[in-house]
């Protein structure tokens, strides 16, 4: 049994998806559609721009989705369809890519939602007020305790449960810095601030959740052709109303990636394809369950190899 998963913020690189667009007209059409939806030459920024501009949340989110959908369209051109997967899932913004890939959202609506999401998340907290930090070597429960101790009246929450040895905390900068010190004292192998522009997936994002509730109310969401394993519940959902609600909750809620992978493994998933930029999720999946085989699909060569494997 297979799952298709879609990467989140941090995977962006200049040039991502260019080879796919050059090799597959259907992949190029994705970038054209996203450019048109946003009224911006986003593809020019992705392929020839400055990494600092691409990394801005409002650009990175639709750019990563476009790259994932370009890879998906390239796979389809080689005969690989979404229904060859038992589940789809995505890490944070990757959840939107998963929904676009499974037909729940149109590409244009997804691009506009992610532009709104990125801008709202950036604007929810003034630059410098919030922070995120990766805690390596402590499990989720231990990091929850660290965050609670570090809060001291401010916000500090376990935001991303990525794998058994990597949990990300998010909140007020001073509280996150206290969490780093407490985590190290409690035996964390490493604890370091992340180069992000806002404290994602914590209660400080409440203003952004309100923006997304309004934006999501205005778009059509279909039942996905493949069940979505949603971040905030680590369970499979297909009901459009539930998906809409969970996408709002996701802005302030924890990304339960470790549990999501464990859920898929328990349902019989043995192979996971990471569709889009980078290989970060593949590394996390290996640390969660060594019995799951992974393959990244971000280049025409990857597409050919995966298509051949799936059609044997």
C-alpha atoms as a PDB file:
ATOM      1  CA  UNK A   1       0.000   0.000   0.000  1.00  0.00           C
ATOM      2  CA  UNK A   2       1.248   3.467  -0.928  1.00  0.00           C
ATOM      3  CA  UNK A   3       0.882   7.043   0.235  1.00  0.00           C
ATOM      4  CA  UNK A   4       1.749  10.280  -1.559  1.00  0.00           C
ATOM      5  CA  UNK A   5       3.014  13.053   0.729  1.00  0.00           C
ATOM      6  CA  UNK A   6       3.755  16.695   0.054  1.00  0.00           C
ATOM      7  CA  UNK A   7       6.499  18.862   1.627  1.00  0.00           C
ATOM      8  CA  UNK A   8       6.115  22.024   3.675  1.00  0.00           C
ATOM      9  CA  UNK A   9       7.976  25.276   4.102  1.00  0.00           C
ATOM     10  CA  UNK A  10      11.751  25.064   4.190  1.00  0.00           C
ATOM     11  CA  UNK A  11      12.035  22.811   1.128  1.00  0.00           C
ATOM     12  CA  UNK A  12      12.150  25.750  -1.306  1.00  0.00           C
ATOM     13  CA  UNK A  13      15.140  26.197  -3.625  1.00  0.00           C
ATOM     14  CA  UNK A  14      15.750  28.448  -6.607  1.00  0.00           C
ATOM     15  CA  UNK A  15      15.152  26.448  -9.773  1.00  0.00           C
ATOM     16  CA  UNK A  16      12.784  23.895  -8.251  1.00  0.00           C
ATOM     17  CA  UNK A  17      10.362  22.441 -10.771  1.00  0.00           C
ATOM     18  CA  UNK A  18      12.101  24.024 -13.802  1.00  0.00           C
ATOM     19  CA  UNK A  19      13.238  20.714 -15.259  1.00  0.00           C
ATOM     20  CA  UNK A  20       9.727  19.299 -14.801  1.00  0.00           C
ATOM     21  CA  UNK A  21       8.208  22.306 -16.596  1.00  0.00           C
ATOM     22  CA  UNK A  22      10.702  21.956 -19.439  1.00  0.00           C
ATOM     23  CA  UNK A  23      10.049  18.225 -19.814  1.00  0.00           C
ATOM     24  CA  UNK A  24       6.275  18.098 -19.346  1.00  0.00           C
ATOM     25  CA  UNK A  25       3.751  20.581 -20.816  1.00  0.00           C
ATOM     26  CA  UNK A  26       1.281  19.591 -18.066  1.00  0.00           C
ATOM     27  CA  UNK A  27       3.856  20.592 -15.424  1.00  0.00           C
ATOM     28  CA  UNK A  28       4.503  23.926 -17.157  1.00  0.00           C
ATOM     29  CA  UNK A  29       0.736  24.505 -17.230  1.00  0.00           C
ATOM     30  CA  UNK A  30       0.637  24.286 -13.414  1.00  0.00           C
ATOM     31  CA  UNK A  31       3.123  27.138 -13.047  1.00  0.00           C
ATOM     32  CA  UNK A  32       1.204  29.179 -15.668  1.00  0.00           C
ATOM     33  CA  UNK A  33      -2.046  28.573 -13.766  1.00  0.00           C
ATOM     34  CA  UNK A  34      -0.508  29.640 -10.441  1.00  0.00           C
ATOM     35  CA  UNK A  35       1.011  32.764 -12.034  1.00  0.00           C
ATOM     36  CA  UNK A  36      -2.413  33.679 -13.459  1.00  0.00           C
ATOM     37  CA  UNK A  37      -4.236  32.992 -10.179  1.00  0.00           C
ATOM     38  CA  UNK A  38      -1.859  35.257  -8.243  1.00  0.00           C
ATOM     39  CA  UNK A  39      -1.371  37.903 -10.924  1.00  0.00           C
ATOM     40  CA  UNK A  40       2.367  37.495 -10.427  1.00  0.00           C
ATOM     41  CA  UNK A  41       5.310  35.955 -12.273  1.00  0.00           C
ATOM     42  CA  UNK A  42       5.886  33.561  -9.391  1.00  0.00           C
ATOM     43  CA  UNK A  43       7.494  31.007 -11.693  1.00  0.00           C
ATOM     44  CA  UNK A  44      10.112  33.597 -12.659  1.00  0.00           C
ATOM     45  CA  UNK A  45      10.886  34.126  -8.984  1.00  0.00           C
ATOM     46  CA  UNK A  46      11.051  30.353  -8.368  1.00  0.00           C
ATOM     47  CA  UNK A  47      13.422  29.698 -11.268  1.00  0.00           C
ATOM     48  CA  UNK A  48      15.536  32.838 -11.497  1.00  0.00           C
ATOM     49  CA  UNK A  49      14.841  34.929  -8.410  1.00  0.00           C
ATOM     50  CA  UNK A  50      16.519  35.603  -5.097  1.00  0.00           C
ATOM     51  CA  UNK A  51      16.234  32.922  -2.399  1.00  0.00           C
ATOM     52  CA  UNK A  52      15.413  35.576   0.206  1.00  0.00           C
ATOM     53  CA  UNK A  53      12.366  36.645  -1.841  1.00  0.00           C
ATOM     54  CA  UNK A  54      11.310  33.051  -2.476  1.00  0.00           C
ATOM     55  CA  UNK A  55      11.595  32.269   1.245  1.00  0.00           C
ATOM     56  CA  UNK A  56       9.080  34.984   2.177  1.00  0.00           C
ATOM     57  CA  UNK A  57       6.135  33.020   3.518  1.00  0.00           C
ATOM     58  CA  UNK A  58       3.611  34.510   1.073  1.00  0.00           C
ATOM     59  CA  UNK A  59       5.804  33.363  -1.855  1.00  0.00           C
ATOM     60  CA  UNK A  60       7.183  30.103  -0.483  1.00  0.00           C
ATOM     61  CA  UNK A  61       3.782  28.570   0.243  1.00  0.00           C
ATOM     62  CA  UNK A  62       2.235  28.822  -3.264  1.00  0.00           C
ATOM     63  CA  UNK A  63       5.651  28.139  -4.847  1.00  0.00           C
ATOM     64  CA  UNK A  64       6.053  24.832  -3.038  1.00  0.00           C
ATOM     65  CA  UNK A  65       2.496  23.832  -3.901  1.00  0.00           C
ATOM     66  CA  UNK A  66       3.109  24.673  -7.573  1.00  0.00           C
ATOM     67  CA  UNK A  67       6.240  22.515  -7.598  1.00  0.00           C
ATOM     68  CA  UNK A  68       4.416  19.609  -5.965  1.00  0.00           C
ATOM     69  CA  UNK A  69       1.528  19.856  -8.419  1.00  0.00           C
ATOM     70  CA  UNK A  70       3.945  20.083 -11.352  1.00  0.00           C
ATOM     71  CA  UNK A  71       5.510  16.817 -10.179  1.00  0.00           C
ATOM     72  CA  UNK A  72       2.041  15.297  -9.808  1.00  0.00           C
ATOM     73  CA  UNK A  73       1.046  16.337 -13.336  1.00  0.00           C
ATOM     74  CA  UNK A  74       4.305  14.906 -14.678  1.00  0.00           C
ATOM     75  CA  UNK A  75       3.544  11.612 -12.935  1.00  0.00           C
ATOM     76  CA  UNK A  76       0.065  11.633 -14.477  1.00  0.00           C
ATOM     77  CA  UNK A  77       1.602  12.165 -17.915  1.00  0.00           C
ATOM     78  CA  UNK A  78       3.542   8.942 -17.321  1.00  0.00           C
ATOM     79  CA  UNK A  79       0.419   7.048 -16.252  1.00  0.00           C
ATOM     80  CA  UNK A  80       0.662   7.428 -12.472  1.00  0.00           C
ATOM     81  CA  UNK A  81      -2.653   8.529 -10.972  1.00  0.00           C
ATOM     82  CA  UNK A  82      -3.495   9.734  -7.481  1.00  0.00           C
ATOM     83  CA  UNK A  83      -5.741   6.735  -6.869  1.00  0.00           C
ATOM     84  CA  UNK A  84      -2.646   4.530  -6.892  1.00  0.00           C
ATOM     85  CA  UNK A  85      -2.184   5.891  -3.350  1.00  0.00           C
ATOM     86  CA  UNK A  86      -4.242   4.760  -0.369  1.00  0.00           C
ATOM     87  CA  UNK A  87      -3.689   8.083   1.408  1.00  0.00           C
ATOM     88  CA  UNK A  88      -2.397  11.599   0.798  1.00  0.00           C
ATOM     89  CA  UNK A  89      -0.841  13.803   3.465  1.00  0.00           C
ATOM     90  CA  UNK A  90       1.185  16.997   3.623  1.00  0.00           C
ATOM     91  CA  UNK A  91       3.320  18.767   6.184  1.00  0.00           C
ATOM     92  CA  UNK A  92       1.647  22.078   7.116  1.00  0.00           C
ATOM     93  CA  UNK A  93       1.214  23.937   3.790  1.00  0.00           C
ATOM     94  CA  UNK A  94       1.797  20.546   2.101  1.00  0.00           C
ATOM     95  CA  UNK A  95      -1.702  19.617   3.233  1.00  0.00           C
ATOM     96  CA  UNK A  96      -3.009  22.089   0.643  1.00  0.00           C
ATOM     97  CA  UNK A  97      -0.860  20.435  -2.047  1.00  0.00           C
ATOM     98  CA  UNK A  98      -2.288  17.053  -1.009  1.00  0.00           C
ATOM     99  CA  UNK A  99      -5.821  18.423  -1.353  1.00  0.00           C
ATOM    100  CA  UNK A 100      -5.074  19.888  -4.787  1.00  0.00           C
ATOM    101  CA  UNK A 101      -3.499  16.604  -5.911  1.00  0.00           C
ATOM    102  CA  UNK A 102      -6.532  14.630  -4.772  1.00  0.00           C
ATOM    103  CA  UNK A 103      -9.027  16.918  -6.486  1.00  0.00           C
ATOM    104  CA  UNK A 104     -10.449  18.532  -3.357  1.00  0.00           C
ATOM    105  CA  UNK A 105      -9.230  22.011  -4.352  1.00  0.00           C
ATOM    106  CA  UNK A 106      -8.504  23.596  -7.720  1.00  0.00           C
ATOM    107  CA  UNK A 107      -4.930  24.726  -8.345  1.00  0.00           C
ATOM    108  CA  UNK A 108      -6.016  28.365  -8.681  1.00  0.00           C
ATOM    109  CA  UNK A 109      -7.968  28.318  -5.428  1.00  0.00           C
ATOM    110  CA  UNK A 110      -5.086  26.552  -3.674  1.00  0.00           C
ATOM    111  CA  UNK A 111      -2.597  29.184  -4.850  1.00  0.00           C
ATOM    112  CA  UNK A 112      -4.838  32.028  -3.674  1.00  0.00           C
ATOM    113  CA  UNK A 113      -5.509  30.336  -0.324  1.00  0.00           C
ATOM    114  CA  UNK A 114      -1.796  29.818   0.266  1.00  0.00           C
ATOM    115  CA  UNK A 115      -0.992  33.414  -0.661  1.00  0.00           C
ATOM    116  CA  UNK A 116      -3.610  34.529   1.876  1.00  0.00           C
ATOM    117  CA  UNK A 117      -2.363  32.022   4.432  1.00  0.00           C
ATOM    118  CA  UNK A 118       1.255  33.069   4.051  1.00  0.00           C
ATOM    119  CA  UNK A 119       0.434  36.774   4.297  1.00  0.00           C
ATOM    120  CA  UNK A 120      -1.879  36.250   7.278  1.00  0.00           C
ATOM    121  CA  UNK A 121       0.661  34.139   9.145  1.00  0.00           C
ATOM    122  CA  UNK A 122       3.350  36.752   8.498  1.00  0.00           C
ATOM    123  CA  UNK A 123       1.121  39.617   9.659  1.00  0.00           C
ATOM    124  CA  UNK A 124      -0.268  37.859  12.765  1.00  0.00           C
ATOM    125  CA  UNK A 125       2.857  38.562  14.814  1.00  0.00           C
ATOM    126  CA  UNK A 126       5.294  41.471  14.360  1.00  0.00           C
ATOM    127  CA  UNK A 127       8.737  40.412  13.144  1.00  0.00           C
ATOM    128  CA  UNK A 128      11.028  39.688  16.086  1.00  0.00           C
ATOM    129  CA  UNK A 129       8.233  39.022  18.592  1.00  0.00           C
ATOM    130  CA  UNK A 130       7.914  35.312  17.866  1.00  0.00           C
ATOM    131  CA  UNK A 131      10.293  32.451  17.147  1.00  0.00           C
ATOM    132  CA  UNK A 132      10.492  28.712  16.544  1.00  0.00           C
ATOM    133  CA  UNK A 133      13.148  26.249  17.675  1.00  0.00           C
ATOM    134  CA  UNK A 134      13.937  22.645  16.833  1.00  0.00           C
ATOM    135  CA  UNK A 135      14.526  20.356  19.801  1.00  0.00           C
ATOM    136  CA  UNK A 136      16.473  17.229  18.866  1.00  0.00           C
ATOM    137  CA  UNK A 137      16.743  14.148  21.041  1.00  0.00           C
ATOM    138  CA  UNK A 138      13.630  14.554  23.212  1.00  0.00           C
ATOM    139  CA  UNK A 139      10.244  12.985  22.465  1.00  0.00           C
ATOM    140  CA  UNK A 140       7.003  14.919  22.045  1.00  0.00           C
ATOM    141  CA  UNK A 141       5.826  14.513  25.636  1.00  0.00           C
ATOM    142  CA  UNK A 142       9.175  15.697  26.980  1.00  0.00           C
ATOM    143  CA  UNK A 143       9.115  18.747  24.715  1.00  0.00           C
ATOM    144  CA  UNK A 144       5.545  19.549  25.759  1.00  0.00           C
ATOM    145  CA  UNK A 145       6.797  19.644  29.335  1.00  0.00           C
ATOM    146  CA  UNK A 146       9.725  21.842  28.310  1.00  0.00           C
ATOM    147  CA  UNK A 147       7.376  24.270  26.538  1.00  0.00           C
ATOM    148  CA  UNK A 148       5.045  24.443  29.540  1.00  0.00           C
ATOM    149  CA  UNK A 149       7.960  25.214  31.848  1.00  0.00           C
ATOM    150  CA  UNK A 150       9.372  27.811  29.459  1.00  0.00           C
ATOM    151  CA  UNK A 151       6.121  29.713  28.902  1.00  0.00           C
ATOM    152  CA  UNK A 152       6.117  31.721  32.165  1.00  0.00           C
ATOM    153  CA  UNK A 153       2.990  33.600  31.146  1.00  0.00           C
ATOM    154  CA  UNK A 154       3.980  33.847  27.480  1.00  0.00           C
ATOM    155  CA  UNK A 155       3.147  31.464  24.628  1.00  0.00           C
ATOM    156  CA  UNK A 156       5.400  28.447  24.084  1.00  0.00           C
ATOM    157  CA  UNK A 157       3.917  25.352  22.481  1.00  0.00           C
ATOM    158  CA  UNK A 158       5.057  22.130  20.824  1.00  0.00           C
ATOM    159  CA  UNK A 159       4.191  23.019  17.230  1.00  0.00           C
ATOM    160  CA  UNK A 160       5.548  20.236  15.003  1.00  0.00           C
ATOM    161  CA  UNK A 161       5.865  16.606  16.127  1.00  0.00           C
ATOM    162  CA  UNK A 162       8.097  15.711  13.192  1.00  0.00           C
ATOM    163  CA  UNK A 163       9.654  12.411  14.215  1.00  0.00           C
ATOM    164  CA  UNK A 164      10.736  10.577  17.397  1.00  0.00           C
ATOM    165  CA  UNK A 165      13.800  12.775  17.824  1.00  0.00           C
ATOM    166  CA  UNK A 166      12.699  16.130  16.381  1.00  0.00           C
ATOM    167  CA  UNK A 167      10.008  18.372  17.840  1.00  0.00           C
ATOM    168  CA  UNK A 168       9.615  22.069  17.050  1.00  0.00           C
ATOM    169  CA  UNK A 169       8.418  24.623  19.611  1.00  0.00           C
ATOM    170  CA  UNK A 170       6.789  27.923  18.704  1.00  0.00           C
ATOM    171  CA  UNK A 171       5.757  31.069  20.569  1.00  0.00           C
ATOM    172  CA  UNK A 172       7.111  34.295  21.995  1.00  0.00           C
ATOM    173  CA  UNK A 173      10.826  34.677  21.282  1.00  0.00           C
ATOM    174  CA  UNK A 174      11.908  34.939  24.911  1.00  0.00           C
ATOM    175  CA  UNK A 175       9.868  31.865  25.858  1.00  0.00           C
ATOM    176  CA  UNK A 176      11.297  29.866  22.944  1.00  0.00           C
ATOM    177  CA  UNK A 177      14.813  30.879  23.991  1.00  0.00           C
ATOM    178  CA  UNK A 178      14.026  29.693  27.537  1.00  0.00           C
ATOM    179  CA  UNK A 179      12.790  26.412  26.042  1.00  0.00           C
ATOM    180  CA  UNK A 180      16.132  25.938  24.300  1.00  0.00           C
ATOM    181  CA  UNK A 181      18.003  26.262  27.589  1.00  0.00           C
ATOM    182  CA  UNK A 182      15.559  24.007  29.473  1.00  0.00           C
ATOM    183  CA  UNK A 183      15.667  21.364  26.737  1.00  0.00           C
ATOM    184  CA  UNK A 184      19.459  21.278  26.794  1.00  0.00           C
ATOM    185  CA  UNK A 185      19.393  20.912  30.582  1.00  0.00           C
ATOM    186  CA  UNK A 186      16.971  17.992  30.185  1.00  0.00           C
ATOM    187  CA  UNK A 187      19.292  16.159  27.804  1.00  0.00           C
ATOM    188  CA  UNK A 188      18.365  17.369  24.315  1.00  0.00           C
ATOM    189  CA  UNK A 189      21.142  16.590  21.820  1.00  0.00           C
ATOM    190  CA  UNK A 190      20.603  19.954  20.132  1.00  0.00           C
ATOM    191  CA  UNK A 191      18.207  22.856  20.465  1.00  0.00           C
ATOM    192  CA  UNK A 192      18.390  25.722  18.023  1.00  0.00           C
ATOM    193  CA  UNK A 193      16.368  28.648  16.719  1.00  0.00           C
ATOM    194  CA  UNK A 194      14.946  28.123  13.221  1.00  0.00           C
ATOM    195  CA  UNK A 195      15.330  30.719  10.444  1.00  0.00           C
ATOM    196  CA  UNK A 196      11.592  31.422  10.146  1.00  0.00           C
ATOM    197  CA  UNK A 197       9.774  34.725   9.897  1.00  0.00           C
ATOM    198  CA  UNK A 198       6.912  33.964  12.299  1.00  0.00           C
ATOM    199  CA  UNK A 199       5.913  31.545  15.093  1.00  0.00           C
ATOM    200  CA  UNK A 200       3.766  29.103  13.137  1.00  0.00           C
ATOM    201  CA  UNK A 201       1.355  26.521  14.590  1.00  0.00           C
ATOM    202  CA  UNK A 202       0.790  28.118  17.973  1.00  0.00           C
ATOM    203  CA  UNK A 203      -1.922  30.267  19.537  1.00  0.00           C
ATOM    204  CA  UNK A 204      -0.169  33.478  18.418  1.00  0.00           C
ATOM    205  CA  UNK A 205      -1.449  32.596  14.934  1.00  0.00           C
ATOM    206  CA  UNK A 206      -5.105  33.099  15.993  1.00  0.00           C
ATOM    207  CA  UNK A 207      -5.509  36.240  13.798  1.00  0.00           C
ATOM    208  CA  UNK A 208      -4.326  34.209  10.793  1.00  0.00           C
ATOM    209  CA  UNK A 209      -6.801  31.447  11.608  1.00  0.00           C
ATOM    210  CA  UNK A 210      -9.607  34.012  11.454  1.00  0.00           C
ATOM    211  CA  UNK A 211      -8.395  35.172   8.025  1.00  0.00           C
ATOM    212  CA  UNK A 212      -8.276  31.590   6.770  1.00  0.00           C
ATOM    213  CA  UNK A 213     -11.754  30.815   8.093  1.00  0.00           C
ATOM    214  CA  UNK A 214     -13.090  33.637   5.918  1.00  0.00           C
ATOM    215  CA  UNK A 215     -10.987  32.671   2.889  1.00  0.00           C
ATOM    216  CA  UNK A 216     -11.877  28.981   3.096  1.00  0.00           C
ATOM    217  CA  UNK A 217     -15.580  29.797   3.411  1.00  0.00           C
ATOM    218  CA  UNK A 218     -15.441  31.277  -0.092  1.00  0.00           C
ATOM    219  CA  UNK A 219     -13.897  28.324  -1.971  1.00  0.00           C
ATOM    220  CA  UNK A 220     -15.380  25.064  -3.134  1.00  0.00           C
ATOM    221  CA  UNK A 221     -13.917  22.000  -1.455  1.00  0.00           C
ATOM    222  CA  UNK A 222     -14.743  18.615  -2.969  1.00  0.00           C
ATOM    223  CA  UNK A 223     -14.348  15.240  -1.324  1.00  0.00           C
ATOM    224  CA  UNK A 224     -10.772  14.140  -2.127  1.00  0.00           C
ATOM    225  CA  UNK A 225     -10.500  11.076  -4.361  1.00  0.00           C
ATOM    226  CA  UNK A 226      -7.996   9.680  -1.828  1.00  0.00           C
ATOM    227  CA  UNK A 227      -8.424  10.143   1.958  1.00  0.00           C
ATOM    228  CA  UNK A 228      -6.368  12.948   3.498  1.00  0.00           C
ATOM    229  CA  UNK A 229      -4.471  12.179   6.696  1.00  0.00           C
ATOM    230  CA  UNK A 230      -4.933  15.575   8.324  1.00  0.00           C
ATOM    231  CA  UNK A 231      -2.170  17.238  10.373  1.00  0.00           C
ATOM    232  CA  UNK A 232      -4.175  18.225  13.413  1.00  0.00           C
ATOM    233  CA  UNK A 233      -5.980  14.912  13.969  1.00  0.00           C
ATOM    234  CA  UNK A 234      -3.496  12.397  12.459  1.00  0.00           C
ATOM    235  CA  UNK A 235      -6.490  10.584  11.007  1.00  0.00           C
ATOM    236  CA  UNK A 236      -8.065  10.109   7.579  1.00  0.00           C
ATOM    237  CA  UNK A 237     -10.774  12.548   6.473  1.00  0.00           C
ATOM    238  CA  UNK A 238     -12.815  12.881   3.273  1.00  0.00           C
ATOM    239  CA  UNK A 239     -15.734  15.107   4.328  1.00  0.00           C
ATOM    240  CA  UNK A 240     -15.348  18.587   2.762  1.00  0.00           C
ATOM    241  CA  UNK A 241     -16.863  20.388   5.775  1.00  0.00           C
ATOM    242  CA  UNK A 242     -14.457  18.586   8.112  1.00  0.00           C
ATOM    243  CA  UNK A 243     -11.508  19.389   5.846  1.00  0.00           C
ATOM    244  CA  UNK A 244     -12.481  23.075   5.793  1.00  0.00           C
ATOM    245  CA  UNK A 245     -12.664  23.146   9.602  1.00  0.00           C
ATOM    246  CA  UNK A 246      -9.365  21.295  10.056  1.00  0.00           C
ATOM    247  CA  UNK A 247      -7.545  23.679   7.692  1.00  0.00           C
ATOM    248  CA  UNK A 248      -8.562  26.522   9.999  1.00  0.00           C
ATOM    249  CA  UNK A 249      -7.514  24.564  13.103  1.00  0.00           C
ATOM    250  CA  UNK A 250      -4.190  23.746  11.436  1.00  0.00           C
ATOM    251  CA  UNK A 251      -3.052  27.401  11.542  1.00  0.00           C
ATOM    252  CA  UNK A 252      -2.791  27.367  15.353  1.00  0.00           C
ATOM    253  CA  UNK A 253      -2.659  23.587  15.921  1.00  0.00           C
ATOM    254  CA  UNK A 254       0.254  21.171  16.105  1.00  0.00           C
ATOM    255  CA  UNK A 255       1.444  19.362  12.983  1.00  0.00           C
ATOM    256  CA  UNK A 256       1.144  15.746  14.147  1.00  0.00           C
ATOM    257  CA  UNK A 257       3.413  14.349  11.460  1.00  0.00           C
ATOM    258  CA  UNK A 258       4.878  11.465  13.486  1.00  0.00           C
ATOM    259  CA  UNK A 259       1.416  10.228  14.397  1.00  0.00           C
ATOM    260  CA  UNK A 260       0.177  10.715  10.827  1.00  0.00           C
ATOM    261  CA  UNK A 261       2.918   8.457   9.486  1.00  0.00           C
ATOM    262  CA  UNK A 262       2.235   5.926  12.235  1.00  0.00           C
ATOM    263  CA  UNK A 263      -1.463   5.981  11.286  1.00  0.00           C
ATOM    264  CA  UNK A 264      -0.655   5.231   7.642  1.00  0.00           C
ATOM    265  CA  UNK A 265       1.780   2.483   8.610  1.00  0.00           C
ATOM    266  CA  UNK A 266      -0.859   0.892  10.858  1.00  0.00           C
ATOM    267  CA  UNK A 267      -3.264   0.896   7.889  1.00  0.00           C
ATOM    268  CA  UNK A 268      -0.716  -1.025   5.801  1.00  0.00           C
ATOM    269  CA  UNK A 269       1.275   1.663   3.984  1.00  0.00           C
ATOM    270  CA  UNK A 270       4.748   0.337   3.136  1.00  0.00           C
ATOM    271  CA  UNK A 271       5.876   2.829   0.457  1.00  0.00           C
ATOM    272  CA  UNK A 272       5.672   6.629   0.586  1.00  0.00           C
ATOM    273  CA  UNK A 273       6.379   8.935  -2.347  1.00  0.00           C
ATOM    274  CA  UNK A 274       7.371  12.511  -1.487  1.00  0.00           C
ATOM    275  CA  UNK A 275       5.992  14.673  -4.303  1.00  0.00           C
ATOM    276  CA  UNK A 276       7.731  18.017  -4.890  1.00  0.00           C
ATOM    277  CA  UNK A 277      10.786  19.803  -3.561  1.00  0.00           C
ATOM    278  CA  UNK A 278      13.394  18.198  -1.332  1.00  0.00           C
ATOM    279  CA  UNK A 279      13.563  15.039   0.750  1.00  0.00           C
ATOM    280  CA  UNK A 280      12.889  16.300   4.283  1.00  0.00           C
ATOM    281  CA  UNK A 281       9.754  14.225   4.791  1.00  0.00           C
ATOM    282  CA  UNK A 282      11.493  11.070   3.577  1.00  0.00           C
ATOM    283  CA  UNK A 283      14.102  11.524   6.290  1.00  0.00           C
ATOM    284  CA  UNK A 284      11.439  12.020   8.954  1.00  0.00           C
ATOM    285  CA  UNK A 285       9.505   8.961   7.758  1.00  0.00           C
ATOM    286  CA  UNK A 286      12.623   6.792   7.991  1.00  0.00           C
ATOM    287  CA  UNK A 287      13.106   7.901  11.592  1.00  0.00           C
ATOM    288  CA  UNK A 288       9.453   7.176  12.398  1.00  0.00           C
ATOM    289  CA  UNK A 289       9.235   3.723  10.787  1.00  0.00           C
ATOM    290  CA  UNK A 290      12.248   2.095   9.171  1.00  0.00           C
ATOM    291  CA  UNK A 291       9.932  -0.428   7.543  1.00  0.00           C
ATOM    292  CA  UNK A 292       8.515   2.200   5.174  1.00  0.00           C
ATOM    293  CA  UNK A 293      10.324   2.645   1.872  1.00  0.00           C
ATOM    294  CA  UNK A 294      10.495   6.224   0.565  1.00  0.00           C
ATOM    295  CA  UNK A 295      11.211   7.876  -2.768  1.00  0.00           C
ATOM    296  CA  UNK A 296      11.359  11.573  -3.633  1.00  0.00           C
ATOM    297  CA  UNK A 297       9.742  12.802  -6.856  1.00  0.00           C
ATOM    298  CA  UNK A 298      11.126  16.206  -7.802  1.00  0.00           C
ATOM    299  CA  UNK A 299      12.840  15.762 -11.175  1.00  0.00           C
ATOM    300  CA  UNK A 300      11.941  14.223 -14.565  1.00  0.00           C
ATOM    301  CA  UNK A 301      14.325  11.363 -13.754  1.00  0.00           C
ATOM    302  CA  UNK A 302      12.449  10.708 -10.490  1.00  0.00           C
ATOM    303  CA  UNK A 303       9.143  10.741 -12.371  1.00  0.00           C
ATOM    304  CA  UNK A 304      10.357   8.168 -14.900  1.00  0.00           C
ATOM    305  CA  UNK A 305      11.763   5.921 -12.175  1.00  0.00           C
ATOM    306  CA  UNK A 306       8.596   6.027 -10.053  1.00  0.00           C
ATOM    307  CA  UNK A 307       6.325   5.516 -13.075  1.00  0.00           C
ATOM    308  CA  UNK A 308       8.353   2.442 -14.051  1.00  0.00           C
ATOM    309  CA  UNK A 309       8.198   1.056 -10.497  1.00  0.00           C
ATOM    310  CA  UNK A 310       4.445   1.605 -10.165  1.00  0.00           C
ATOM    311  CA  UNK A 311       3.613   0.063 -13.524  1.00  0.00           C
ATOM    312  CA  UNK A 312       5.635  -3.107 -13.153  1.00  0.00           C
END
